[in-house]
Amino acid sequence: GTDGEIEHGAALIHTPFFGNLVREFFEGESIICFADDRADAGSSLVVPLWHKNAAATRTHYQTITTRVSDAPRPDEIVVVVGAST
């Protein structure tokens, strides 16, 4: 949130536990691409995507843009996970 540091969000997602849960849910094997950012509530967030099993396949490098209109508040952290078919 606006009262925190970017490292607070990074500490939540840059762990094997988070990555393992995401890979298990999506039945993937690749490392998880990420983009750390700090922004005001309602700002655009760019979410990177790539192939769940072939991270080196450049044809699958994409992004999606999203926003959460009322978050993060000063004491919140927003974590966005994107996937596509």
Protein backbone atom coordinates (compact mmCIF):
# COMPACT_ATOMS: atom_id res chain seq x y z
CA GLY A 1 0.00 0.00 0.00
CA THR A 2 0.91 3.65 -0.01
CA ASP A 3 2.49 3.34 3.44
CA GLY A 4 4.63 0.33 2.57
CA GLU A 5 7.72 -0.50 0.57
CA ILE A 6 7.89 -2.45 -2.69
CA GLU A 7 9.93 -5.07 -0.84
CA HIS A 8 6.88 -5.96 1.29
CA GLY A 9 5.01 -7.29 -1.77
CA ALA A 10 8.15 -8.87 -3.18
CA ALA A 11 8.67 -10.77 0.08
CA LEU A 12 5.27 -12.42 -0.37
CA ILE A 13 5.76 -13.66 -3.93
CA HIS A 14 9.49 -14.36 -4.17
CA THR A 15 9.32 -17.57 -2.21
CA PRO A 16 9.32 -21.20 -3.36
CA PHE A 17 6.05 -21.69 -1.43
CA PHE A 18 4.12 -19.11 -3.51
CA GLY A 19 5.67 -20.26 -6.78
CA ASN A 20 5.04 -23.92 -6.05
CA LEU A 21 1.36 -23.28 -5.28
CA VAL A 22 0.88 -21.28 -8.50
CA ARG A 23 2.69 -23.89 -10.63
CA GLU A 24 0.68 -26.70 -9.02
CA PHE A 25 -2.63 -24.91 -9.63
CA PHE A 26 -1.83 -24.23 -13.30
CA GLU A 27 -0.03 -27.57 -13.80
CA GLY A 28 3.08 -25.72 -14.96
CA GLU A 29 6.81 -26.18 -14.64
CA SER A 30 8.36 -22.83 -15.61
CA ILE A 31 9.67 -20.28 -13.21
CA ILE A 32 7.12 -17.55 -12.60
CA CYS A 33 7.73 -14.25 -14.35
CA PHE A 34 7.00 -11.16 -12.32
CA ALA A 35 6.98 -7.39 -12.25
CA ASP A 36 7.27 -5.55 -8.95
CA ASP A 37 5.59 -2.16 -8.94
CA ARG A 38 4.34 0.44 -6.52
CA ALA A 39 1.40 2.62 -7.49
CA ASP A 40 -1.57 4.50 -6.13
CA ALA A 41 -4.99 2.85 -5.85
CA GLY A 42 -6.60 2.49 -9.25
CA SER A 43 -3.34 2.72 -11.20
CA SER A 44 -2.76 0.42 -14.17
CA LEU A 45 -0.79 -2.72 -13.35
CA VAL A 46 1.06 -4.58 -16.10
CA VAL A 47 1.11 -8.33 -15.48
CA PRO A 48 3.66 -10.42 -17.44
CA LEU A 49 2.69 -13.81 -18.87
CA TRP A 50 4.67 -16.60 -20.48
CA HIS A 51 4.28 -20.27 -21.25
CA LYS A 52 3.70 -22.40 -18.15
CA ASN A 53 5.99 -25.18 -19.35
CA ALA A 54 8.34 -23.51 -21.83
CA ALA A 55 9.64 -20.23 -20.43
CA ALA A 56 12.15 -19.87 -23.29
CA THR A 57 9.39 -19.93 -25.94
CA ARG A 58 9.46 -16.28 -27.01
CA THR A 59 6.20 -16.51 -28.94
CA HIS A 60 4.41 -16.76 -25.60
CA TYR A 61 5.77 -13.58 -23.98
CA GLN A 62 2.71 -11.41 -23.35
CA THR A 63 1.32 -8.95 -20.81
CA ILE A 64 -2.11 -8.04 -19.57
CA THR A 65 -3.05 -4.76 -17.95
CA THR A 66 -5.46 -4.56 -15.05
CA ARG A 67 -6.37 -2.25 -12.22
CA VAL A 68 -7.98 -2.55 -8.80
CA SER A 69 -9.98 0.65 -8.44
CA ASP A 70 -9.97 0.89 -4.64
CA ALA A 71 -6.72 -0.81 -3.68
CA PRO A 72 -4.18 -0.87 -2.29
CA ARG A 73 -5.11 1.18 0.73
CA PRO A 74 -2.25 2.40 2.95
CA ASP A 75 -2.08 -0.90 4.87
CA GLU A 76 -2.76 -3.35 2.01
CA ILE A 77 -0.79 -5.24 -0.61
CA VAL A 78 -2.23 -6.26 -3.98
CA VAL A 79 -0.88 -9.42 -5.63
CA VAL A 80 -2.18 -10.12 -9.16
CA VAL A 81 -1.72 -13.51 -10.81
CA GLY A 82 -2.64 -13.78 -14.48
CA ALA A 83 -3.11 -16.78 -16.76
CA SER A 84 -4.46 -17.39 -20.25
CA THR A 85 -5.26 -20.23 -22.62
